[in-house]
Each structure stands twice: as structure tokens, then as C-alpha cells.
Amino acid sequence: TGFLPKLSAEYGYRRPSGTSTEIGGVN
């Protein structure tokens, strides 16, 4: 099986600290 292709999967969740950027005093 070392000669054959391998199929893998990954499922994840991420929550960033900030979701907006201030531009000209406007978020």
C-alpha cells in the first residue's frame, strides 16, 4: 500500500479574534 495514493480528510472550526478592519474611522 506504500506505492498507492492516500486519501485523507480534515474538518475544523476557527473563530478569529477580530472580524473587521477600521478604515477612515469606520469599521
mmCIF file of all heavy atoms, coordinates in Angstrom:
data_MODEL
# 
_entry.id   MODEL 
# 
loop_
_atom_site.group_PDB 
_atom_site.id 
_atom_site.type_symbol 
_atom_site.label_atom_id 
_atom_site.label_alt_id 
_atom_site.label_comp_id 
_atom_site.label_asym_id 
_atom_site.label_entity_id 
_atom_site.label_seq_id 
_atom_site.pdbx_PDB_ins_code 
_atom_site.Cartn_x 
_atom_site.Cartn_y 
_atom_site.Cartn_z 
_atom_site.occupancy 
_atom_site.B_iso_or_equiv 
_atom_site.pdbx_formal_charge 
_atom_site.auth_seq_id 
_atom_site.auth_comp_id 
_atom_site.auth_asym_id 
_atom_site.auth_atom_id 
_atom_site.pdbx_PDB_model_num 
ATOM 1   N N   . THR A 1 1  ? 0.817   -1.222 0.000  1.00 0.00 ? 1  THR A N   1 
ATOM 2   C CA  . THR A 1 1  ? 0.000   0.000  0.000  1.00 0.00 ? 1  THR A CA  1 
ATOM 3   C C   . THR A 1 1  ? 0.847   1.267  0.000  1.00 0.00 ? 1  THR A C   1 
ATOM 4   O O   . THR A 1 1  ? 0.332   2.354  -0.274 1.00 0.00 ? 1  THR A O   1 
ATOM 5   C CB  . THR A 1 1  ? -0.918  0.017  1.234  1.00 0.00 ? 1  THR A CB  1 
ATOM 6   O OG1 . THR A 1 1  ? -0.116  0.010  2.435  1.00 0.00 ? 1  THR A OG1 1 
ATOM 7   C CG2 . THR A 1 1  ? -1.831  -1.189 1.244  1.00 0.00 ? 1  THR A CG2 1 
ATOM 8   N N   . GLY A 1 2  ? 2.146   1.134  0.301  1.00 0.00 ? 2  GLY A N   1 
ATOM 9   C CA  . GLY A 1 2  ? 3.006   2.317  0.264  1.00 0.00 ? 2  GLY A CA  1 
ATOM 10  C C   . GLY A 1 2  ? 3.174   2.898  -1.126 1.00 0.00 ? 2  GLY A C   1 
ATOM 11  O O   . GLY A 1 2  ? 3.544   4.068  -1.269 1.00 0.00 ? 2  GLY A O   1 
ATOM 12  N N   . PHE A 1 3  ? 2.911   2.111  -2.160 1.00 0.00 ? 3  PHE A N   1 
ATOM 13  C CA  . PHE A 1 3  ? 3.005   2.614  -3.538 1.00 0.00 ? 3  PHE A CA  1 
ATOM 14  C C   . PHE A 1 3  ? 1.728   3.321  -3.991 1.00 0.00 ? 3  PHE A C   1 
ATOM 15  O O   . PHE A 1 3  ? 1.750   3.980  -5.028 1.00 0.00 ? 3  PHE A O   1 
ATOM 16  C CB  . PHE A 1 3  ? 3.284   1.454  -4.501 1.00 0.00 ? 3  PHE A CB  1 
ATOM 17  C CG  . PHE A 1 3  ? 4.572   0.743  -4.234 1.00 0.00 ? 3  PHE A CG  1 
ATOM 18  C CD1 . PHE A 1 3  ? 4.587   -0.516 -3.656 1.00 0.00 ? 3  PHE A CD1 1 
ATOM 19  C CD2 . PHE A 1 3  ? 5.787   1.329  -4.565 1.00 0.00 ? 3  PHE A CD2 1 
ATOM 20  C CE1 . PHE A 1 3  ? 5.762   -1.176 -3.408 1.00 0.00 ? 3  PHE A CE1 1 
ATOM 21  C CE2 . PHE A 1 3  ? 6.986   0.671  -4.323 1.00 0.00 ? 3  PHE A CE2 1 
ATOM 22  C CZ  . PHE A 1 3  ? 6.980   -0.585 -3.745 1.00 0.00 ? 3  PHE A CZ  1 
ATOM 23  N N   . LEU A 1 4  ? 0.652   3.189  -3.259 1.00 0.00 ? 4  LEU A N   1 
ATOM 24  C CA  . LEU A 1 4  ? -0.659  3.662  -3.702 1.00 0.00 ? 4  LEU A CA  1 
ATOM 25  C C   . LEU A 1 4  ? -0.968  5.034  -3.119 1.00 0.00 ? 4  LEU A C   1 
ATOM 26  O O   . LEU A 1 4  ? -0.410  5.426  -2.080 1.00 0.00 ? 4  LEU A O   1 
ATOM 27  C CB  . LEU A 1 4  ? -1.739  2.656  -3.292 1.00 0.00 ? 4  LEU A CB  1 
ATOM 28  C CG  . LEU A 1 4  ? -1.501  1.216  -3.756 1.00 0.00 ? 4  LEU A CG  1 
ATOM 29  C CD1 . LEU A 1 4  ? -2.591  0.310  -3.219 1.00 0.00 ? 4  LEU A CD1 1 
ATOM 30  C CD2 . LEU A 1 4  ? -1.417  1.147  -5.267 1.00 0.00 ? 4  LEU A CD2 1 
ATOM 31  N N   . PRO A 1 5  ? -1.867  5.791  -3.772 1.00 0.00 ? 5  PRO A N   1 
ATOM 32  C CA  . PRO A 1 5  ? -2.240  7.113  -3.252 1.00 0.00 ? 5  PRO A CA  1 
ATOM 33  C C   . PRO A 1 5  ? -3.018  6.981  -1.941 1.00 0.00 ? 5  PRO A C   1 
ATOM 34  O O   . PRO A 1 5  ? -3.683  5.980  -1.682 1.00 0.00 ? 5  PRO A O   1 
ATOM 35  C CB  . PRO A 1 5  ? -3.102  7.707  -4.363 1.00 0.00 ? 5  PRO A CB  1 
ATOM 36  C CG  . PRO A 1 5  ? -3.615  6.534  -5.127 1.00 0.00 ? 5  PRO A CG  1 
ATOM 37  C CD  . PRO A 1 5  ? -2.550  5.496  -5.059 1.00 0.00 ? 5  PRO A CD  1 
ATOM 38  N N   . LYS A 1 6  ? -2.921  8.029  -1.142 1.00 0.00 ? 6  LYS A N   1 
ATOM 39  C CA  . LYS A 1 6  ? -3.591  8.061  0.156  1.00 0.00 ? 6  LYS A CA  1 
ATOM 40  C C   . LYS A 1 6  ? -4.624  9.183  0.167  1.00 0.00 ? 6  LYS A C   1 
ATOM 41  O O   . LYS A 1 6  ? -4.359  10.281 -0.329 1.00 0.00 ? 6  LYS A O   1 
ATOM 42  C CB  . LYS A 1 6  ? -2.575  8.283  1.274  1.00 0.00 ? 6  LYS A CB  1 
ATOM 43  C CG  . LYS A 1 6  ? -1.509  7.213  1.357  1.00 0.00 ? 6  LYS A CG  1 
ATOM 44  C CD  . LYS A 1 6  ? -0.468  7.568  2.386  1.00 0.00 ? 6  LYS A CD  1 
ATOM 45  C CE  . LYS A 1 6  ? 0.592   6.478  2.486  1.00 0.00 ? 6  LYS A CE  1 
ATOM 46  N NZ  . LYS A 1 6  ? 1.314   6.262  1.213  1.00 0.00 ? 6  LYS A NZ  1 
ATOM 47  N N   . LEU A 1 7  ? -5.763  8.900  0.693  1.00 0.00 ? 7  LEU A N   1 
ATOM 48  C CA  . LEU A 1 7  ? -6.855  9.866  0.795  1.00 0.00 ? 7  LEU A CA  1 
ATOM 49  C C   . LEU A 1 7  ? -7.077  10.186 2.264  1.00 0.00 ? 7  LEU A C   1 
ATOM 50  O O   . LEU A 1 7  ? -7.255  9.297  3.081  1.00 0.00 ? 7  LEU A O   1 
ATOM 51  C CB  . LEU A 1 7  ? -8.137  9.298  0.175  1.00 0.00 ? 7  LEU A CB  1 
ATOM 52  C CG  . LEU A 1 7  ? -9.393  10.160 0.305  1.00 0.00 ? 7  LEU A CG  1 
ATOM 53  C CD1 . LEU A 1 7  ? -9.217  11.485 -0.428 1.00 0.00 ? 7  LEU A CD1 1 
ATOM 54  C CD2 . LEU A 1 7  ? -10.605 9.404  -0.211 1.00 0.00 ? 7  LEU A CD2 1 
ATOM 55  N N   . SER A 1 8  ? -7.073  11.490 2.588  1.00 0.00 ? 8  SER A N   1 
ATOM 56  C CA  . SER A 1 8  ? -7.294  11.919 3.970  1.00 0.00 ? 8  SER A CA  1 
ATOM 57  C C   . SER A 1 8  ? -8.281  13.084 3.974  1.00 0.00 ? 8  SER A C   1 
ATOM 58  O O   . SER A 1 8  ? -8.513  13.741 2.947  1.00 0.00 ? 8  SER A O   1 
ATOM 59  C CB  . SER A 1 8  ? -5.980  12.335 4.641  1.00 0.00 ? 8  SER A CB  1 
ATOM 60  O OG  . SER A 1 8  ? -5.382  13.422 3.942  1.00 0.00 ? 8  SER A OG  1 
ATOM 61  N N   . ALA A 1 9  ? -8.867  13.323 5.121  1.00 0.00 ? 9  ALA A N   1 
ATOM 62  C CA  . ALA A 1 9  ? -9.847  14.396 5.257  1.00 0.00 ? 9  ALA A CA  1 
ATOM 63  C C   . ALA A 1 9  ? -9.630  15.107 6.583  1.00 0.00 ? 9  ALA A C   1 
ATOM 64  O O   . ALA A 1 9  ? -9.189  14.495 7.569  1.00 0.00 ? 9  ALA A O   1 
ATOM 65  C CB  . ALA A 1 9  ? -11.275 13.848 5.179  1.00 0.00 ? 9  ALA A CB  1 
ATOM 66  N N   . GLU A 1 10 ? -9.978  16.382 6.595  1.00 0.00 ? 10 GLU A N   1 
ATOM 67  C CA  . GLU A 1 10 ? -9.828  17.186 7.812  1.00 0.00 ? 10 GLU A CA  1 
ATOM 68  C C   . GLU A 1 10 ? -11.010 18.151 7.905  1.00 0.00 ? 10 GLU A C   1 
ATOM 69  O O   . GLU A 1 10 ? -11.398 18.773 6.903  1.00 0.00 ? 10 GLU A O   1 
ATOM 70  C CB  . GLU A 1 10 ? -8.509  17.966 7.768  1.00 0.00 ? 10 GLU A CB  1 
ATOM 71  C CG  . GLU A 1 10 ? -8.280  18.849 8.983  1.00 0.00 ? 10 GLU A CG  1 
ATOM 72  C CD  . GLU A 1 10 ? -6.990  19.643 8.878  1.00 0.00 ? 10 GLU A CD  1 
ATOM 73  O OE1 . GLU A 1 10 ? -6.126  19.275 8.039  1.00 0.00 ? 10 GLU A OE1 1 
ATOM 74  O OE2 . GLU A 1 10 ? -6.843  20.633 9.611  1.00 0.00 ? 10 GLU A OE2 1 
ATOM 75  N N   . TYR A 1 11 ? -11.544 18.235 9.066  1.00 0.00 ? 11 TYR A N   1 
ATOM 76  C CA  . TYR A 1 11 ? -12.676 19.137 9.300  1.00 0.00 ? 11 TYR A CA  1 
ATOM 77  C C   . TYR A 1 11 ? -12.342 19.956 10.546 1.00 0.00 ? 11 TYR A C   1 
ATOM 78  O O   . TYR A 1 11 ? -11.960 19.393 11.580 1.00 0.00 ? 11 TYR A O   1 
ATOM 79  C CB  . TYR A 1 11 ? -13.964 18.341 9.511  1.00 0.00 ? 11 TYR A CB  1 
ATOM 80  C CG  . TYR A 1 11 ? -15.206 19.198 9.693  1.00 0.00 ? 11 TYR A CG  1 
ATOM 81  C CD1 . TYR A 1 11 ? -15.905 19.680 8.593  1.00 0.00 ? 11 TYR A CD1 1 
ATOM 82  C CD2 . TYR A 1 11 ? -15.658 19.519 10.960 1.00 0.00 ? 11 TYR A CD2 1 
ATOM 83  C CE1 . TYR A 1 11 ? -17.046 20.452 8.750  1.00 0.00 ? 11 TYR A CE1 1 
ATOM 84  C CE2 . TYR A 1 11 ? -16.786 20.293 11.132 1.00 0.00 ? 11 TYR A CE2 1 
ATOM 85  C CZ  . TYR A 1 11 ? -17.482 20.769 10.027 1.00 0.00 ? 11 TYR A CZ  1 
ATOM 86  O OH  . TYR A 1 11 ? -18.606 21.550 10.190 1.00 0.00 ? 11 TYR A OH  1 
ATOM 87  N N   . GLY A 1 12 ? -12.465 21.307 10.417 1.00 0.00 ? 12 GLY A N   1 
ATOM 88  C CA  . GLY A 1 12 ? -12.090 22.152 11.539 1.00 0.00 ? 12 GLY A CA  1 
ATOM 89  C C   . GLY A 1 12 ? -12.952 23.392 11.661 1.00 0.00 ? 12 GLY A C   1 
ATOM 90  O O   . GLY A 1 12 ? -13.678 23.800 10.745 1.00 0.00 ? 12 GLY A O   1 
ATOM 91  N N   . TYR A 1 13 ? -12.855 23.965 12.848 1.00 0.00 ? 13 TYR A N   1 
ATOM 92  C CA  . TYR A 1 13 ? -13.583 25.206 13.163 1.00 0.00 ? 13 TYR A CA  1 
ATOM 93  C C   . TYR A 1 13 ? -12.583 26.217 13.689 1.00 0.00 ? 13 TYR A C   1 
ATOM 94  O O   . TYR A 1 13 ? -11.701 25.887 14.486 1.00 0.00 ? 13 TYR A O   1 
ATOM 95  C CB  . TYR A 1 13 ? -14.667 24.945 14.199 1.00 0.00 ? 13 TYR A CB  1 
ATOM 96  C CG  . TYR A 1 13 ? -15.265 26.201 14.788 1.00 0.00 ? 13 TYR A CG  1 
ATOM 97  C CD1 . TYR A 1 13 ? -16.173 26.971 14.064 1.00 0.00 ? 13 TYR A CD1 1 
ATOM 98  C CD2 . TYR A 1 13 ? -14.912 26.630 16.075 1.00 0.00 ? 13 TYR A CD2 1 
ATOM 99  C CE1 . TYR A 1 13 ? -16.713 28.131 14.602 1.00 0.00 ? 13 TYR A CE1 1 
ATOM 100 C CE2 . TYR A 1 13 ? -15.447 27.772 16.623 1.00 0.00 ? 13 TYR A CE2 1 
ATOM 101 C CZ  . TYR A 1 13 ? -16.345 28.529 15.882 1.00 0.00 ? 13 TYR A CZ  1 
ATOM 102 O OH  . TYR A 1 13 ? -16.874 29.685 16.414 1.00 0.00 ? 13 TYR A OH  1 
ATOM 103 N N   . ARG A 1 14 ? -12.754 27.510 13.263 1.00 0.00 ? 14 ARG A N   1 
ATOM 104 C CA  . ARG A 1 14 ? -11.847 28.566 13.691 1.00 0.00 ? 14 ARG A CA  1 
ATOM 105 C C   . ARG A 1 14 ? -12.648 29.838 13.947 1.00 0.00 ? 14 ARG A C   1 
ATOM 106 O O   . ARG A 1 14 ? -13.520 30.194 13.154 1.00 0.00 ? 14 ARG A O   1 
ATOM 107 C CB  . ARG A 1 14 ? -10.798 28.829 12.596 1.00 0.00 ? 14 ARG A CB  1 
ATOM 108 C CG  . ARG A 1 14 ? -9.882  30.010 12.874 1.00 0.00 ? 14 ARG A CG  1 
ATOM 109 C CD  . ARG A 1 14 ? -8.828  30.098 11.766 1.00 0.00 ? 14 ARG A CD  1 
ATOM 110 N NE  . ARG A 1 14 ? -8.030  31.300 11.888 1.00 0.00 ? 14 ARG A NE  1 
ATOM 111 C CZ  . ARG A 1 14 ? -8.334  32.469 11.328 1.00 0.00 ? 14 ARG A CZ  1 
ATOM 112 N NH1 . ARG A 1 14 ? -9.428  32.585 10.561 1.00 0.00 ? 14 ARG A NH1 1 
ATOM 113 N NH2 . ARG A 1 14 ? -7.559  33.529 11.489 1.00 0.00 ? 14 ARG A NH2 1 
ATOM 114 N N   . ARG A 1 15 ? -12.353 30.482 15.051 1.00 0.00 ? 15 ARG A N   1 
ATOM 115 C CA  . ARG A 1 15 ? -13.007 31.749 15.389 1.00 0.00 ? 15 ARG A CA  1 
ATOM 116 C C   . ARG A 1 15 ? -11.907 32.784 15.604 1.00 0.00 ? 15 ARG A C   1 
ATOM 117 O O   . ARG A 1 15 ? -11.162 32.734 16.589 1.00 0.00 ? 15 ARG A O   1 
ATOM 118 C CB  . ARG A 1 15 ? -13.860 31.609 16.640 1.00 0.00 ? 15 ARG A CB  1 
ATOM 119 C CG  . ARG A 1 15 ? -14.645 32.893 16.995 1.00 0.00 ? 15 ARG A CG  1 
ATOM 120 C CD  . ARG A 1 15 ? -15.415 32.692 18.299 1.00 0.00 ? 15 ARG A CD  1 
ATOM 121 N NE  . ARG A 1 15 ? -16.159 33.894 18.652 1.00 0.00 ? 15 ARG A NE  1 
ATOM 122 C CZ  . ARG A 1 15 ? -17.419 34.141 18.285 1.00 0.00 ? 15 ARG A CZ  1 
ATOM 123 N NH1 . ARG A 1 15 ? -18.075 33.251 17.537 1.00 0.00 ? 15 ARG A NH1 1 
ATOM 124 N NH2 . ARG A 1 15 ? -18.046 35.243 18.657 1.00 0.00 ? 15 ARG A NH2 1 
ATOM 125 N N   . PRO A 1 16 ? -11.772 33.766 14.712 1.00 0.00 ? 16 PRO A N   1 
ATOM 126 C CA  . PRO A 1 16 ? -10.713 34.772 14.846 1.00 0.00 ? 16 PRO A CA  1 
ATOM 127 C C   . PRO A 1 16 ? -11.035 35.787 15.943 1.00 0.00 ? 16 PRO A C   1 
ATOM 128 O O   . PRO A 1 16 ? -12.183 35.963 16.343 1.00 0.00 ? 16 PRO A O   1 
ATOM 129 C CB  . PRO A 1 16 ? -10.689 35.407 13.462 1.00 0.00 ? 16 PRO A CB  1 
ATOM 130 C CG  . PRO A 1 16 ? -12.064 35.231 12.947 1.00 0.00 ? 16 PRO A CG  1 
ATOM 131 C CD  . PRO A 1 16 ? -12.547 33.928 13.483 1.00 0.00 ? 16 PRO A CD  1 
ATOM 132 N N   . SER A 1 17 ? -10.005 36.482 16.433 1.00 0.00 ? 17 SER A N   1 
ATOM 133 C CA  . SER A 1 17 ? -10.191 37.490 17.475 1.00 0.00 ? 17 SER A CA  1 
ATOM 134 C C   . SER A 1 17 ? -10.899 38.732 16.940 1.00 0.00 ? 17 SER A C   1 
ATOM 135 O O   . SER A 1 17 ? -11.586 39.444 17.665 1.00 0.00 ? 17 SER A O   1 
ATOM 136 C CB  . SER A 1 17 ? -8.838  37.889 18.077 1.00 0.00 ? 17 SER A CB  1 
ATOM 137 O OG  . SER A 1 17 ? -7.984  38.408 17.064 1.00 0.00 ? 17 SER A OG  1 
ATOM 138 N N   . GLY A 1 18 ? -10.707 39.018 15.666 1.00 0.00 ? 18 GLY A N   1 
ATOM 139 C CA  . GLY A 1 18 ? -11.372 40.173 15.055 1.00 0.00 ? 18 GLY A CA  1 
ATOM 140 C C   . GLY A 1 18 ? -11.875 39.835 13.680 1.00 0.00 ? 18 GLY A C   1 
ATOM 141 O O   . GLY A 1 18 ? -11.243 39.069 12.936 1.00 0.00 ? 18 GLY A O   1 
ATOM 142 N N   . THR A 1 19 ? -13.047 40.412 13.335 1.00 0.00 ? 19 THR A N   1 
ATOM 143 C CA  . THR A 1 19 ? -13.627 40.118 12.028 1.00 0.00 ? 19 THR A CA  1 
ATOM 144 C C   . THR A 1 19 ? -13.817 41.366 11.182 1.00 0.00 ? 19 THR A C   1 
ATOM 145 O O   . THR A 1 19 ? -14.454 41.321 10.143 1.00 0.00 ? 19 THR A O   1 
ATOM 146 C CB  . THR A 1 19 ? -14.983 39.428 12.207 1.00 0.00 ? 19 THR A CB  1 
ATOM 147 O OG1 . THR A 1 19 ? -15.849 40.293 12.942 1.00 0.00 ? 19 THR A OG1 1 
ATOM 148 C CG2 . THR A 1 19 ? -14.818 38.111 12.959 1.00 0.00 ? 19 THR A CG2 1 
ATOM 149 N N   . SER A 1 20 ? -13.282 42.492 11.647 1.00 0.00 ? 20 SER A N   1 
ATOM 150 C CA  . SER A 1 20 ? -13.461 43.749 10.903 1.00 0.00 ? 20 SER A CA  1 
ATOM 151 C C   . SER A 1 20 ? -12.192 44.572 10.969 1.00 0.00 ? 20 SER A C   1 
ATOM 152 O O   . SER A 1 20 ? -11.317 44.353 11.825 1.00 0.00 ? 20 SER A O   1 
ATOM 153 C CB  . SER A 1 20 ? -14.632 44.565 11.476 1.00 0.00 ? 20 SER A CB  1 
ATOM 154 O OG  . SER A 1 20 ? -14.373 44.910 12.838 1.00 0.00 ? 20 SER A OG  1 
ATOM 155 N N   . THR A 1 21 ? -12.069 45.519 10.041 1.00 0.00 ? 21 THR A N   1 
ATOM 156 C CA  . THR A 1 21 ? -10.910 46.409 9.960  1.00 0.00 ? 21 THR A CA  1 
ATOM 157 C C   . THR A 1 21 ? -11.410 47.849 9.916  1.00 0.00 ? 21 THR A C   1 
ATOM 158 O O   . THR A 1 21 ? -12.385 48.156 9.210  1.00 0.00 ? 21 THR A O   1 
ATOM 159 C CB  . THR A 1 21 ? -10.079 46.103 8.704  1.00 0.00 ? 21 THR A CB  1 
ATOM 160 O OG1 . THR A 1 21 ? -9.679  44.720 8.738  1.00 0.00 ? 21 THR A OG1 1 
ATOM 161 C CG2 . THR A 1 21 ? -8.849  46.982 8.657  1.00 0.00 ? 21 THR A CG2 1 
ATOM 162 N N   . GLU A 1 22 ? -10.758 48.711 10.658 1.00 0.00 ? 22 GLU A N   1 
ATOM 163 C CA  . GLU A 1 22 ? -11.171 50.127 10.700 1.00 0.00 ? 22 GLU A CA  1 
ATOM 164 C C   . GLU A 1 22 ? -10.548 50.871 9.524  1.00 0.00 ? 22 GLU A C   1 
ATOM 165 O O   . GLU A 1 22 ? -9.331  50.896 9.348  1.00 0.00 ? 22 GLU A O   1 
ATOM 166 C CB  . GLU A 1 22 ? -10.735 50.752 12.016 1.00 0.00 ? 22 GLU A CB  1 
ATOM 167 C CG  . GLU A 1 22 ? -11.229 52.183 12.177 1.00 0.00 ? 22 GLU A CG  1 
ATOM 168 C CD  . GLU A 1 22 ? -10.887 52.771 13.521 1.00 0.00 ? 22 GLU A CD  1 
ATOM 169 O OE1 . GLU A 1 22 ? -10.527 51.999 14.448 1.00 0.00 ? 22 GLU A OE1 1 
ATOM 170 O OE2 . GLU A 1 22 ? -10.983 54.004 13.643 1.00 0.00 ? 22 GLU A OE2 1 
ATOM 171 N N   . ILE A 1 23 ? -11.405 51.464 8.715  1.00 0.00 ? 23 ILE A N   1 
ATOM 172 C CA  . ILE A 1 23 ? -10.951 52.227 7.542  1.00 0.00 ? 23 ILE A CA  1 
ATOM 173 C C   . ILE A 1 23 ? -11.600 53.615 7.612  1.00 0.00 ? 23 ILE A C   1 
ATOM 174 O O   . ILE A 1 23 ? -12.833 53.743 7.516  1.00 0.00 ? 23 ILE A O   1 
ATOM 175 C CB  . ILE A 1 23 ? -11.339 51.524 6.231  1.00 0.00 ? 23 ILE A CB  1 
ATOM 176 C CG1 . ILE A 1 23 ? -10.699 50.115 6.173  1.00 0.00 ? 23 ILE A CG1 1 
ATOM 177 C CG2 . ILE A 1 23 ? -10.892 52.354 5.043  1.00 0.00 ? 23 ILE A CG2 1 
ATOM 178 C CD1 . ILE A 1 23 ? -11.114 49.345 4.944  1.00 0.00 ? 23 ILE A CD1 1 
ATOM 179 N N   . GLY A 1 24 ? -10.790 54.644 7.773  1.00 0.00 ? 24 GLY A N   1 
ATOM 180 C CA  . GLY A 1 24 ? -11.317 56.028 7.847  1.00 0.00 ? 24 GLY A CA  1 
ATOM 181 C C   . GLY A 1 24 ? -12.269 56.220 9.022  1.00 0.00 ? 24 GLY A C   1 
ATOM 182 O O   . GLY A 1 24 ? -13.266 56.935 8.900  1.00 0.00 ? 24 GLY A O   1 
ATOM 183 N N   . GLY A 1 25 ? -11.964 55.570 10.138 1.00 0.00 ? 25 GLY A N   1 
ATOM 184 C CA  . GLY A 1 25 ? -12.821 55.680 11.301 1.00 0.00 ? 25 GLY A CA  1 
ATOM 185 C C   . GLY A 1 25 ? -14.079 54.850 11.236 1.00 0.00 ? 25 GLY A C   1 
ATOM 186 O O   . GLY A 1 25 ? -14.935 54.940 12.126 1.00 0.00 ? 25 GLY A O   1 
ATOM 187 N N   . VAL A 1 26 ? -14.196 54.027 10.190 1.00 0.00 ? 26 VAL A N   1 
ATOM 188 C CA  . VAL A 1 26 ? -15.378 53.173 10.025 1.00 0.00 ? 26 VAL A CA  1 
ATOM 189 C C   . VAL A 1 26 ? -14.931 51.713 10.080 1.00 0.00 ? 26 VAL A C   1 
ATOM 190 O O   . VAL A 1 26 ? -13.982 51.317 9.394  1.00 0.00 ? 26 VAL A O   1 
ATOM 191 C CB  . VAL A 1 26 ? -16.097 53.452 8.685  1.00 0.00 ? 26 VAL A CB  1 
ATOM 192 C CG1 . VAL A 1 26 ? -17.301 52.530 8.538  1.00 0.00 ? 26 VAL A CG1 1 
ATOM 193 C CG2 . VAL A 1 26 ? -16.496 54.904 8.593  1.00 0.00 ? 26 VAL A CG2 1 
ATOM 194 N N   . ASN A 1 27 ? -15.580 50.932 10.914 1.00 0.00 ? 27 ASN A N   1 
ATOM 195 C CA  . ASN A 1 27 ? -15.283 49.500 10.995 1.00 0.00 ? 27 ASN A CA  1 
ATOM 196 C C   . ASN A 1 27 ? -15.920 48.764 9.826  1.00 0.00 ? 27 ASN A C   1 
ATOM 197 O O   . ASN A 1 27 ? -17.140 48.821 9.624  1.00 0.00 ? 27 ASN A O   1 
ATOM 198 C CB  . ASN A 1 27 ? -15.807 48.903 12.301 1.00 0.00 ? 27 ASN A CB  1 
ATOM 199 C CG  . ASN A 1 27 ? -14.983 49.355 13.503 1.00 0.00 ? 27 ASN A CG  1 
ATOM 200 O OD1 . ASN A 1 27 ? -13.790 49.593 13.374 1.00 0.00 ? 27 ASN A OD1 1 
ATOM 201 N ND2 . ASN A 1 27 ? -15.639 49.518 14.652 1.00 0.00 ? 27 ASN A ND2 1 
# 
